[in-house]
Amino acid sequence: MWTPDPSIIITAEQKAEQARQQTLATFKAGIQAHIDVQAQERDYADGHALANYANSTVPQWKAEAETFIAWRDAVWVYSYAELSKVQVGERPVPALDEFLAELPNLDWPIQPDLSSV
């Protein structure tokens, strides 16, 4: 008679944990993509590149980086708090696009008018 190898049996709990980890990874990737898109709208390569301008000697770039960093931090604080609610069953798993719509808005600093330069 065949005897299953217990080291390769996947339990229901393990499947649930794998699904939870995959959902979390999907949300983290979606949130990071959302952050990067915001930076790209200002012609930065991504969020990491924009954040590197926090110590820029160009006032506009510095202001954009500081505003972006504060917003990025608020996005992740909100996201982790809400995703932890999902993990403990206090909130159903939302659709990713609905979750992204809940995130704080980014209010960029006013860009100077350089047309007369």
Protein backbone atom coordinates (compact mmCIF):
# COMPACT_ATOMS: atom_id res chain seq x y z
CA MET A 1 0.00 0.00 0.00
CA TRP A 2 1.17 3.52 -0.82
CA THR A 3 2.06 5.74 2.12
CA PRO A 4 2.04 9.50 1.55
CA ASP A 5 5.18 11.41 2.43
CA PRO A 6 4.14 13.81 5.24
CA SER A 7 6.97 16.20 4.35
CA ILE A 8 5.28 17.10 1.05
CA ILE A 9 1.66 17.23 2.20
CA ILE A 10 0.22 20.72 2.05
CA THR A 11 -2.39 21.38 4.70
CA ALA A 12 -5.38 23.67 4.40
CA GLU A 13 -3.67 26.05 6.82
CA GLN A 14 -0.56 26.12 4.63
CA LYS A 15 -2.68 26.80 1.55
CA ALA A 16 -4.45 29.63 3.37
CA GLU A 17 -1.12 31.11 4.45
CA GLN A 18 0.23 30.87 0.90
CA ALA A 19 -2.87 32.63 -0.40
CA ARG A 20 -2.54 35.33 2.27
CA GLN A 21 1.13 35.89 1.40
CA GLN A 22 0.31 36.07 -2.32
CA THR A 23 -2.47 38.59 -1.70
CA LEU A 24 -0.15 40.69 0.44
CA ALA A 25 2.58 40.56 -2.22
CA THR A 26 0.07 41.59 -4.91
CA PHE A 27 -1.09 44.56 -2.85
CA LYS A 28 2.47 45.66 -2.02
CA ALA A 29 3.45 45.52 -5.70
CA GLY A 30 0.33 47.45 -6.69
CA ILE A 31 0.93 50.11 -4.05
CA GLN A 32 4.57 50.52 -5.09
CA ALA A 33 3.52 50.79 -8.74
CA HIS A 34 1.01 53.49 -7.74
CA ILE A 35 3.78 55.37 -5.93
CA ASP A 36 6.13 55.07 -8.89
CA VAL A 37 3.48 56.32 -11.31
CA GLN A 38 3.08 59.48 -9.24
CA ALA A 39 6.82 60.13 -9.46
CA GLN A 40 6.85 59.37 -13.19
CA GLU A 41 4.14 61.97 -13.75
CA ARG A 42 6.81 64.51 -12.75
CA ASP A 43 9.39 62.91 -15.05
CA TYR A 44 11.32 61.07 -12.35
CA ALA A 45 12.27 57.45 -13.11
CA ASP A 46 10.40 56.15 -10.06
CA GLY A 47 9.68 56.90 -6.42
CA HIS A 48 13.18 56.00 -5.29
CA ALA A 49 14.73 58.39 -7.80
CA LEU A 50 12.42 61.21 -6.73
CA ALA A 51 13.13 60.63 -3.03
CA ASN A 52 16.84 61.01 -3.77
CA TYR A 53 16.22 64.69 -4.52
CA ALA A 54 15.36 65.49 -0.88
CA ASN A 55 18.75 67.19 -0.45
CA SER A 56 18.82 68.80 -3.88
CA THR A 57 20.23 72.29 -4.27
CA VAL A 58 17.43 73.02 -6.75
CA PRO A 59 14.54 74.35 -4.63
CA GLN A 60 11.78 72.92 -6.85
CA TRP A 61 13.24 69.41 -6.90
CA LYS A 62 13.84 69.51 -3.16
CA ALA A 63 10.25 70.65 -2.54
CA GLU A 64 8.87 67.93 -4.80
CA ALA A 65 10.97 65.28 -3.05
CA GLU A 66 9.96 66.43 0.42
CA THR A 67 6.28 66.51 -0.54
CA PHE A 68 6.55 63.13 -2.21
CA ILE A 69 8.33 61.50 0.74
CA ALA A 70 5.69 62.71 3.20
CA TRP A 71 2.93 61.43 0.90
CA ARG A 72 4.70 58.10 0.28
CA ASP A 73 5.05 57.59 4.02
CA ALA A 74 1.35 58.35 4.55
CA VAL A 75 0.45 55.86 1.80
CA TRP A 76 2.45 53.06 3.42
CA VAL A 77 1.24 53.83 6.96
CA TYR A 78 -2.38 53.69 5.74
CA SER A 79 -1.74 50.60 3.62
CA TYR A 80 -0.09 48.58 6.37
CA ALA A 81 -2.83 49.50 8.85
CA GLU A 82 -5.61 48.50 6.45
CA LEU A 83 -3.89 45.35 5.22
CA SER A 84 -3.37 44.21 8.81
CA LYS A 85 -7.15 44.54 9.26
CA VAL A 86 -7.59 42.27 6.24
CA GLN A 87 -5.14 39.74 7.67
CA VAL A 88 -7.02 39.44 10.98
CA GLY A 89 -10.46 39.38 9.34
CA GLU A 90 -11.60 42.84 10.43
CA ARG A 91 -11.96 43.87 6.81
CA PRO A 92 -12.73 41.87 3.68
CA VAL A 93 -10.08 41.75 0.97
CA PRO A 94 -10.82 44.72 -1.30
CA ALA A 95 -10.18 44.82 -5.01
CA LEU A 96 -6.74 46.30 -5.59
CA ASP A 97 -8.04 49.21 -7.67
CA GLU A 98 -10.60 50.05 -4.95
CA PHE A 99 -7.86 49.95 -2.33
CA LEU A 100 -5.62 52.23 -4.37
CA ALA A 101 -8.51 54.71 -4.65
CA GLU A 102 -8.59 54.90 -0.83
CA LEU A 103 -4.99 56.05 -0.59
CA PRO A 104 -4.15 59.65 0.30
CA ASN A 105 -3.91 62.13 -2.55
CA LEU A 106 -0.62 63.70 -3.50
CA ASP A 107 -0.71 67.50 -3.60
CA TRP A 108 2.41 68.63 -5.44
CA PRO A 109 4.04 71.97 -4.65
CA ILE A 110 3.35 74.69 -7.20
CA GLN A 111 5.85 74.67 -10.02
CA PRO A 112 7.42 78.01 -10.87
CA ASP A 113 6.61 79.54 -14.25
CA LEU A 114 9.80 79.13 -16.25
CA SER A 115 8.33 80.30 -19.55
CA SER A 116 9.91 83.76 -19.27
CA VAL A 117 13.40 82.43 -18.47
